[in-house]
Amino acid sequence: MARELLYIASPLRGDVEQNIQNAMRYCEKAIREGYIPLAPHVMYQGLFNDGIAEERAAALDIGLRMLEKCSRMWACGDRISEGMRGEMNLAKEKGIPVEEKPESFFTERPASQDNTFRELQQHTQQTVEELTKTEKGIVQLVHLAGRYGGCGVINATAIRTQAPGAQKVATISEWRKMGYRVKDFRNSIKVWMPVEKTGFLRNGRLVDANTAAPAERAAIRAGTLAVQSRTVYRAGFVYDIAQTSCPPREYDQVIGETMYSFLTPEQVYNGLRESVSKTGFSVKESDETTLALLGGWRNEGSHIAISSRMHPEEKLAALCAAFGHGLVEQSSRQPQDVRLFEAGCLSFLLQSRFGVPENLRESPEQLSCSALLGNMGLLEGCMTRVQRMEQFTSEHLTAELRGQGLELSPEQAAKKEQLTEQQREANRNFMQDIV
């Protein structure tokens, strides 16, 4: 029996990346149901800017032309957006059957499969609680966080639970930035992603600012209705390098020990030194003999001294350690023993992320973990703070390298441009076939 063309309508505006991932799940379900799904914002992702009226109109027009070729339409998810409403109206005008499919239709799984987000969360928390009971277990969690790019102990444990052999994981957009595309969506790895939400009090209850009525929005703009921000965690998906278009011969370069493996240690050190100097710290090199006795660095408040007698790799290790300790001292209000743990973790994660050889890194095995034993909440809080500081440092370094034209390797830049052109050509060919 020939497969029917099925139009997939789902929200795009708002959390675009999550909405595209949702649309991919809807397409997977449609394929399993025997259809050929057409989802415009999946097929044309990255080619149109939904925030620009002309590009949004062009994308909607293409979608409507595709809809006319379909024999059925699914309106997917628990929210009908403005764009979906227009698609549904056109489908009804053309006599195309429309079926509204709530989120539960796509998330239902056989009871034998222990892979729902709730079940994964419960299993992950139990695992972390057990590991937190011993210093060896805590060190293992720190190593896991370092292995998966400092993603935090909960997500790192969840990744290991679902895909023990995963080598490098990233979101769809992160892989795209590296010049690769995700080609296998069958075994997506579930994680929790932090999202900043803004809300206000309505009748004593905190509600999302996106649900504000016109009068409430006006009061927010005027400053007469107070808003507050909070961090919530939403379900998300990442994919291992084996699920991407990256050929195995390039794994070593992409995985490596660092996201900057194509740069020399001296280039990374110089970039980090400049970026650190722009965060309120002063960094100078000194030929003092006593610095060698201090591990090649000294931190006095916001003043960092690095031994000029070291090799670039040693300087990079020292600067990661000095800045890690300095950043924790300035930003953490935890007791001294907890701050020392956070500083050691941050130094290790920065050194891992920026390509410091393993023999030069601060070892998690040397951390004093006694203050965190049996306290998963405290450990999770520590690692969350450390992760934010690591991300803060990485973003500043990336901005500095971007300013120097060193953000992507020549190979990655070429692949990114090639991938974009391949997408355009494939979409042009597809449209010629269906028109």
Protein backbone atom coordinates (compact mmCIF):
# COMPACT_ATOMS: atom_id res chain seq x y z
CA MET A 1 0.00 0.00 0.00
CA ALA A 2 1.40 3.39 -1.04
CA ARG A 3 2.23 5.81 1.73
CA GLU A 4 0.19 9.01 1.90
CA LEU A 5 1.72 12.48 2.16
CA LEU A 6 0.94 13.82 5.65
CA TYR A 7 1.34 17.50 6.55
CA ILE A 8 2.76 18.11 10.02
CA ALA A 9 1.61 21.38 11.60
CA SER A 10 3.17 22.39 14.92
CA PRO A 11 4.29 25.57 16.72
CA LEU A 12 7.61 27.21 15.77
CA ARG A 13 7.75 30.57 17.53
CA GLY A 14 9.03 30.74 21.12
CA ASP A 15 11.58 28.08 21.95
CA VAL A 16 12.50 27.43 18.31
CA GLU A 17 15.07 24.70 18.88
CA GLN A 18 12.78 22.71 21.18
CA ASN A 19 9.85 23.18 18.80
CA ILE A 20 11.91 21.84 15.89
CA GLN A 21 12.90 18.83 17.96
CA ASN A 22 9.23 18.29 18.80
CA ALA A 23 8.36 18.43 15.09
CA MET A 24 10.99 15.77 14.42
CA ARG A 25 9.34 13.52 17.00
CA TYR A 26 5.99 14.09 15.31
CA CYS A 27 7.55 13.09 11.98
CA GLU A 28 9.02 9.94 13.52
CA LYS A 29 5.60 8.96 14.80
CA ALA A 30 4.05 9.65 11.39
CA ILE A 31 6.61 7.42 9.66
CA ARG A 32 5.86 4.61 12.10
CA GLU A 33 2.16 5.09 11.31
CA GLY A 34 2.88 4.56 7.60
CA TYR A 35 2.88 8.15 6.29
CA ILE A 36 5.39 10.35 4.45
CA PRO A 37 5.47 13.42 6.71
CA LEU A 38 6.11 16.94 5.40
CA ALA A 39 7.13 19.43 8.10
CA PRO A 40 8.34 22.74 6.57
CA HIS A 41 10.16 24.12 9.61
CA VAL A 42 12.08 20.86 9.95
CA MET A 43 12.97 20.65 6.27
CA TYR A 44 13.90 24.34 6.03
CA GLN A 45 15.35 24.88 9.50
CA GLY A 46 17.99 27.59 9.54
CA LEU A 47 17.05 28.95 6.11
CA PHE A 48 14.37 31.40 7.24
CA ASN A 49 14.39 33.89 10.11
CA ASP A 50 10.96 33.72 11.74
CA GLY A 51 11.57 37.15 13.28
CA ILE A 52 11.74 38.85 9.85
CA ALA A 53 8.28 39.42 8.40
CA GLU A 54 9.28 38.84 4.75
CA GLU A 55 11.09 35.57 5.50
CA ARG A 56 8.27 34.35 7.73
CA ALA A 57 5.76 35.09 4.96
CA ALA A 58 7.89 33.21 2.41
CA ALA A 59 8.18 30.21 4.74
CA LEU A 60 4.41 30.18 5.35
CA ASP A 61 3.74 30.37 1.61
CA ILE A 62 6.02 27.39 0.93
CA GLY A 63 4.29 25.48 3.72
CA LEU A 64 0.85 26.17 2.30
CA ARG A 65 1.93 24.98 -1.16
CA MET A 66 3.24 21.78 0.39
CA LEU A 67 -0.02 21.34 2.30
CA GLU A 68 -1.99 21.37 -0.94
CA LYS A 69 -0.09 18.25 -2.05
CA CYS A 70 -0.98 16.28 1.11
CA SER A 71 -3.97 13.99 1.63
CA ARG A 72 -4.11 14.49 5.40
CA MET A 73 -2.95 16.91 8.10
CA TRP A 74 -1.95 16.50 11.74
CA ALA A 75 -2.13 19.53 14.06
CA CYS A 76 0.40 18.43 16.65
CA GLY A 77 0.96 19.34 20.29
CA ASP A 78 -1.12 20.93 23.02
CA ARG A 79 -1.07 24.46 21.59
CA ILE A 80 -2.58 25.72 18.32
CA SER A 81 -0.47 28.66 17.14
CA GLU A 82 -1.58 31.45 14.82
CA GLY A 83 0.34 29.91 11.91
CA MET A 84 -1.18 26.49 12.58
CA ARG A 85 -4.66 28.00 12.62
CA GLY A 86 -4.12 29.39 9.11
CA GLU A 87 -2.86 26.01 7.90
CA MET A 88 -5.86 24.24 9.41
CA ASN A 89 -8.26 26.70 7.77
CA LEU A 90 -6.66 26.16 4.35
CA ALA A 91 -6.77 22.39 4.79
CA LYS A 92 -10.49 22.55 5.53
CA GLU A 93 -11.06 24.79 2.47
CA LYS A 94 -9.26 22.22 0.31
CA GLY A 95 -11.17 19.32 1.85
CA ILE A 96 -8.04 17.89 3.48
CA PRO A 97 -8.89 15.98 6.70
CA VAL A 98 -7.37 17.57 9.82
CA GLU A 99 -6.63 15.53 12.94
CA GLU A 100 -5.59 17.26 16.17
CA LYS A 101 -2.94 15.15 17.90
CA PRO A 102 -2.15 16.16 21.52
CA GLU A 103 1.33 15.73 22.99
CA SER A 104 0.22 12.58 24.78
CA PHE A 105 -0.29 10.90 21.38
CA PHE A 106 3.46 11.20 20.71
CA THR A 107 4.78 10.47 24.18
CA GLU A 108 2.84 7.28 24.85
CA ARG A 109 5.17 4.29 24.95
CA PRO A 110 4.72 0.62 25.75
CA ALA A 111 4.79 -0.01 29.50
CA SER A 112 7.78 -2.35 29.06
CA GLN A 113 10.04 0.48 27.91
CA ASP A 114 11.64 2.20 30.88
CA ASN A 115 12.59 5.35 29.01
CA THR A 116 10.19 8.13 29.95
CA PHE A 117 11.60 11.35 31.31
CA ARG A 118 10.02 10.75 34.72
CA GLU A 119 11.46 7.24 35.00
CA LEU A 120 14.86 8.44 33.82
CA GLN A 121 14.82 11.27 36.35
CA GLN A 122 13.99 8.92 39.21
CA HIS A 123 16.70 6.45 38.19
CA THR A 124 19.28 9.24 37.75
CA GLN A 125 18.55 10.75 41.15
CA GLN A 126 18.87 7.37 42.83
CA THR A 127 22.22 6.80 41.13
CA VAL A 128 23.57 10.22 42.12
CA GLU A 129 22.35 9.82 45.70
CA GLU A 130 24.20 6.51 45.95
CA LEU A 131 27.43 7.92 44.50
CA THR A 132 27.28 10.94 46.81
CA LYS A 133 27.66 8.67 49.84
CA THR A 134 31.42 8.20 49.23
CA GLU A 135 34.26 10.52 48.23
CA LYS A 136 35.16 8.08 45.44
CA GLY A 137 31.60 8.38 44.10
CA ILE A 138 31.72 12.18 44.20
CA VAL A 139 35.01 12.16 42.29
CA GLN A 140 33.39 9.86 39.72
CA LEU A 141 30.58 12.38 39.24
CA VAL A 142 33.09 15.20 38.73
CA HIS A 143 34.88 13.13 36.09
CA LEU A 144 31.54 12.48 34.37
CA ALA A 145 30.76 16.20 34.30
CA GLY A 146 34.16 16.80 32.71
CA ARG A 147 33.68 14.03 30.16
CA TYR A 148 30.47 15.51 28.82
CA GLY A 149 31.55 19.12 28.60
CA GLY A 150 30.72 20.16 32.16
CA CYS A 151 26.99 19.49 31.71
CA GLY A 152 26.40 18.89 35.43
CA VAL A 153 26.20 15.72 37.47
CA ILE A 154 22.50 15.01 36.81
CA ASN A 155 22.73 15.30 33.03
CA ALA A 156 26.12 13.56 32.90
CA THR A 157 24.70 10.62 34.84
CA ALA A 158 21.59 10.56 32.65
CA ILE A 159 23.76 10.48 29.52
CA ARG A 160 25.87 7.63 30.86
CA THR A 161 22.71 5.72 31.82
CA GLN A 162 21.19 5.98 28.33
CA ALA A 163 24.34 5.82 26.19
CA PRO A 164 27.37 4.46 28.08
CA GLY A 165 29.45 4.54 24.91
CA ALA A 166 28.65 8.16 24.01
CA GLN A 167 31.84 10.04 23.15
CA LYS A 168 30.65 13.59 22.55
CA VAL A 169 27.09 14.88 22.81
CA ALA A 170 25.56 18.14 21.63
CA THR A 171 22.23 19.60 20.56
CA ILE A 172 21.16 19.85 16.93
CA SER A 173 22.14 23.51 16.74
CA GLU A 174 25.51 22.90 18.40
CA TRP A 175 26.34 20.16 15.87
CA ARG A 176 25.25 22.49 13.09
CA LYS A 177 27.62 25.19 14.32
CA MET A 178 30.45 22.66 14.12
CA GLY A 179 29.55 21.95 10.50
CA TYR A 180 27.71 18.65 10.96
CA ARG A 181 24.10 17.54 10.91
CA VAL A 182 22.27 14.98 13.00
CA LYS A 183 21.17 12.17 10.70
CA ASP A 184 19.96 9.53 13.19
CA PHE A 185 17.17 10.67 15.52
CA ARG A 186 16.07 7.21 16.65
CA ASN A 187 18.01 7.13 19.92
CA SER A 188 18.01 10.72 21.13
CA ILE A 189 19.57 11.19 24.56
CA LYS A 190 17.29 12.89 27.07
CA VAL A 191 18.64 15.70 29.26
CA TRP A 192 17.31 18.65 31.25
CA MET A 193 18.04 22.14 29.97
CA PRO A 194 17.86 25.30 32.10
CA VAL A 195 15.46 27.98 30.87
CA GLU A 196 15.02 31.44 32.34
CA LYS A 197 11.33 32.21 32.85
CA THR A 198 9.83 35.59 33.69
CA GLY A 199 6.64 35.72 35.72
CA PHE A 200 4.40 37.98 37.79
CA LEU A 201 1.88 37.57 40.59
CA ARG A 202 -1.76 37.22 39.63
CA ASN A 203 -4.14 36.77 42.57
CA GLY A 204 -1.22 35.69 44.72
CA ARG A 205 -0.03 33.07 42.23
CA LEU A 206 3.11 33.31 40.08
CA VAL A 207 2.22 32.96 36.38
CA ASP A 208 4.28 33.08 33.18
CA ALA A 209 4.69 36.56 31.67
CA ASN A 210 3.79 35.10 28.25
CA THR A 211 0.22 34.58 29.49
CA ALA A 212 -0.23 38.23 30.51
CA ALA A 213 -3.43 39.93 29.38
CA PRO A 214 -3.11 43.22 27.40
CA ALA A 215 -3.65 45.33 30.55
CA GLU A 216 -1.07 43.29 32.44
CA ARG A 217 1.47 43.65 29.62
CA ALA A 218 0.93 47.41 29.68
CA ALA A 219 1.48 47.45 33.46
CA ILE A 220 4.68 45.43 33.06
CA ARG A 221 5.98 47.89 30.44
CA ALA A 222 5.07 50.82 32.68
CA GLY A 223 6.85 49.24 35.63
CA THR A 224 3.75 49.17 37.84
CA LEU A 225 3.52 45.37 37.76
CA ALA A 226 6.63 43.70 39.13
CA VAL A 227 8.14 40.72 37.33
CA GLN A 228 10.63 38.19 38.59
CA SER A 229 12.88 35.65 36.88
CA ARG A 230 13.42 32.05 37.82
CA THR A 231 15.27 29.10 36.33
CA VAL A 232 13.25 26.07 35.33
CA TYR A 233 14.38 22.89 33.63
CA ARG A 234 12.71 21.55 30.53
CA ALA A 235 13.18 18.28 28.73
CA GLY A 236 15.64 18.39 25.86
CA PHE A 237 17.58 16.10 23.55
CA VAL A 238 21.23 15.73 22.63
CA TYR A 239 22.91 13.40 20.17
CA ASP A 240 26.20 11.53 20.16
CA ILE A 241 28.80 12.15 17.47
CA ALA A 242 28.04 8.69 16.03
CA GLN A 243 24.54 9.95 15.16
CA THR A 244 25.89 12.81 13.05
CA SER A 245 27.38 13.25 9.60
CA CYS A 246 30.86 13.57 11.12
CA PRO A 247 33.04 10.85 9.49
CA PRO A 248 34.95 8.58 11.90
CA ARG A 249 38.29 9.85 10.61
CA GLU A 250 37.45 13.26 12.09
CA TYR A 251 36.34 12.00 15.51
CA ASP A 252 39.70 12.65 17.15
CA GLN A 253 39.69 16.28 16.06
CA VAL A 254 36.08 16.90 17.07
CA ILE A 255 36.14 14.98 20.35
CA GLY A 256 39.75 15.49 21.37
CA GLU A 257 40.09 16.91 24.83
CA THR A 258 38.80 20.33 23.95
CA MET A 259 36.43 22.30 21.78
CA TYR A 260 39.50 24.25 20.61
CA SER A 261 41.65 21.27 19.59
CA PHE A 262 42.54 22.91 16.27
CA LEU A 263 44.36 25.75 18.09
CA THR A 264 47.82 25.66 19.62
CA PRO A 265 48.09 25.86 23.45
CA GLU A 266 49.69 29.28 23.01
CA GLN A 267 46.71 30.57 20.99
CA VAL A 268 44.24 29.31 23.60
CA TYR A 269 46.35 30.74 26.44
CA ASN A 270 46.62 34.16 24.78
CA GLY A 271 42.88 34.19 24.05
CA LEU A 272 42.01 33.16 27.61
CA ARG A 273 44.40 35.74 29.05
CA GLU A 274 42.73 38.51 27.06
CA SER A 275 39.20 37.34 27.90
CA VAL A 276 40.02 36.98 31.62
CA SER A 277 41.45 40.51 31.63
CA LYS A 278 38.08 41.78 30.35
CA THR A 279 36.20 40.24 33.30
CA GLY A 280 37.84 42.44 35.96
CA PHE A 281 40.98 40.39 36.62
CA SER A 282 44.48 41.55 35.78
CA VAL A 283 46.87 38.95 34.40
CA LYS A 284 50.63 39.43 34.23
CA GLU A 285 53.57 37.16 33.62
CA SER A 286 56.48 37.19 36.04
CA ASP A 287 59.87 35.50 36.21
CA GLU A 288 59.74 35.21 40.00
CA THR A 289 61.40 32.02 41.19
CA THR A 290 58.85 31.60 44.00
CA LEU A 291 56.01 31.15 41.48
CA ALA A 292 57.39 27.73 40.58
CA LEU A 293 56.78 26.64 44.18
CA LEU A 294 53.15 27.73 43.90
CA GLY A 295 52.37 25.65 40.84
CA GLY A 296 53.29 28.41 38.42
CA TRP A 297 50.58 30.85 39.51
CA ARG A 298 49.52 33.17 42.29
CA ASN A 299 46.14 34.78 42.87
CA GLU A 300 45.81 37.84 45.08
CA GLY A 301 42.25 39.07 44.89
CA SER A 302 41.70 40.03 41.25
CA HIS A 303 45.43 40.03 40.42
CA ILE A 304 46.81 36.91 38.76
CA ALA A 305 50.51 36.24 38.23
CA ILE A 306 51.66 33.49 35.84
CA SER A 307 55.24 32.25 35.66
CA SER A 308 56.88 33.33 32.40
CA ARG A 309 59.31 30.42 32.66
CA MET A 310 56.72 27.79 31.74
CA HIS A 311 55.75 26.30 28.40
CA PRO A 312 52.39 27.42 26.84
CA GLU A 313 50.59 24.24 28.00
CA GLU A 314 51.79 24.85 31.57
CA LYS A 315 50.77 28.51 31.37
CA LEU A 316 47.31 27.53 30.16
CA ALA A 317 46.95 25.05 33.04
CA ALA A 318 48.10 27.67 35.53
CA LEU A 319 45.76 30.36 34.19
CA CYS A 320 42.76 27.99 34.30
CA ALA A 321 43.59 27.16 37.92
CA ALA A 322 44.24 30.75 38.96
CA PHE A 323 41.10 32.10 37.33
CA GLY A 324 39.02 29.18 38.60
CA HIS A 325 40.07 29.82 42.20
CA GLY A 326 39.71 33.58 41.81
CA LEU A 327 36.25 33.37 40.25
CA VAL A 328 34.95 31.08 43.01
CA GLU A 329 36.37 33.29 45.76
CA GLN A 330 34.65 36.34 44.29
CA SER A 331 31.28 34.76 43.51
CA SER A 332 30.61 31.95 46.01
CA ARG A 333 29.28 32.54 49.52
CA GLN A 334 29.70 28.94 50.62
CA PRO A 335 31.87 27.87 53.59
CA GLN A 336 35.61 27.67 52.98
CA ASP A 337 35.75 23.88 52.51
CA VAL A 338 32.93 23.99 49.96
CA ARG A 339 34.60 26.88 48.10
CA LEU A 340 37.82 24.88 47.87
CA PHE A 341 35.88 21.98 46.37
CA GLU A 342 34.18 24.28 43.85
CA ALA A 343 37.48 25.94 42.92
CA GLY A 344 39.14 22.57 42.34
CA CYS A 345 36.21 21.38 40.23
CA LEU A 346 36.16 24.56 38.16
CA SER A 347 39.92 24.40 37.55
CA PHE A 348 39.65 20.77 36.42
CA LEU A 349 36.69 21.45 34.11
CA LEU A 350 38.32 24.51 32.54
CA GLN A 351 41.58 22.65 32.01
CA SER A 352 39.67 19.73 30.44
CA ARG A 353 37.59 22.00 28.22
CA PHE A 354 40.51 24.10 27.01
CA GLY A 355 42.82 21.22 26.14
CA VAL A 356 45.31 21.07 29.01
CA PRO A 357 47.14 17.70 28.90
CA GLU A 358 45.90 15.30 31.56
CA ASN A 359 49.23 15.19 33.42
CA LEU A 360 49.05 18.98 34.01
CA ARG A 361 45.46 19.18 35.27
CA GLU A 362 44.26 19.49 38.82
CA SER A 363 43.06 16.00 39.68
CA PRO A 364 39.57 15.52 41.16
CA GLU A 365 41.08 12.71 43.24
CA GLN A 366 42.85 15.40 45.26
CA LEU A 367 39.65 17.24 46.10
CA SER A 368 38.42 17.30 49.68
CA CYS A 369 34.84 16.02 49.41
CA SER A 370 34.02 15.40 53.08
CA ALA A 371 31.72 18.46 53.33
CA LEU A 372 29.49 17.04 50.56
CA LEU A 373 29.20 13.42 51.67
CA GLY A 374 25.59 12.24 51.62
CA ASN A 375 24.31 15.64 50.52
CA MET A 376 23.15 15.37 46.91
CA GLY A 377 21.47 18.77 47.08
CA LEU A 378 24.68 20.50 48.13
CA LEU A 379 26.70 18.67 45.46
CA GLU A 380 24.16 19.51 42.78
CA GLY A 381 24.20 23.17 43.87
CA CYS A 382 28.00 23.25 43.80
CA MET A 383 28.19 21.70 40.34
CA THR A 384 25.47 24.01 39.02
CA ARG A 385 27.45 27.05 40.18
CA VAL A 386 30.66 25.59 38.80
CA GLN A 387 28.96 24.83 35.48
CA ARG A 388 27.71 28.40 35.19
CA MET A 389 31.19 29.75 35.89
CA GLU A 390 32.67 27.35 33.34
CA GLN A 391 30.13 28.47 30.74
CA PHE A 392 30.80 32.12 31.59
CA THR A 393 34.53 31.59 31.02
CA SER A 394 34.00 29.62 27.80
CA GLU A 395 31.66 32.24 26.34
CA HIS A 396 34.17 35.00 27.00
CA LEU A 397 36.96 32.94 25.44
CA THR A 398 34.80 32.12 22.40
CA ALA A 399 33.97 35.81 21.95
CA GLU A 400 37.66 36.67 22.12
CA LEU A 401 38.60 33.97 19.60
CA ARG A 402 35.74 35.05 17.34
CA GLY A 403 37.16 38.56 17.36
CA GLN A 404 40.47 37.08 16.22
CA GLY A 405 38.80 34.92 13.56
CA LEU A 406 39.71 31.72 15.41
CA GLU A 407 36.31 30.45 16.57
CA LEU A 408 36.11 27.65 13.98
CA SER A 409 38.82 25.60 12.39
CA PRO A 410 39.17 26.08 8.61
CA GLU A 411 37.71 22.59 8.12
CA GLN A 412 34.70 23.33 10.32
CA ALA A 413 34.05 26.68 8.62
CA ALA A 414 34.16 25.01 5.19
CA LYS A 415 31.86 22.20 6.34
CA LYS A 416 29.38 24.68 7.78
CA GLU A 417 29.16 26.55 4.48
CA GLN A 418 28.99 23.31 2.49
CA LEU A 419 26.20 21.97 4.70
CA THR A 420 24.14 25.14 4.27
CA GLU A 421 24.49 24.97 0.49
CA GLN A 422 23.59 21.27 0.48
CA GLN A 423 20.43 22.06 2.44
CA ARG A 424 19.46 24.79 -0.01
CA GLU A 425 20.07 22.53 -3.02
CA ALA A 426 18.12 19.61 -1.51
CA ASN A 427 15.18 21.88 -0.69
CA ARG A 428 15.18 23.39 -4.19
CA ASN A 429 15.13 19.92 -5.73
CA PHE A 430 12.39 18.77 -3.38
CA MET A 431 10.15 21.72 -4.21
CA GLN A 432 10.62 21.10 -7.95
CA ASP A 433 9.51 17.50 -7.44
CA ILE A 434 6.30 18.25 -5.57
CA VAL A 435 5.12 21.33 -7.46
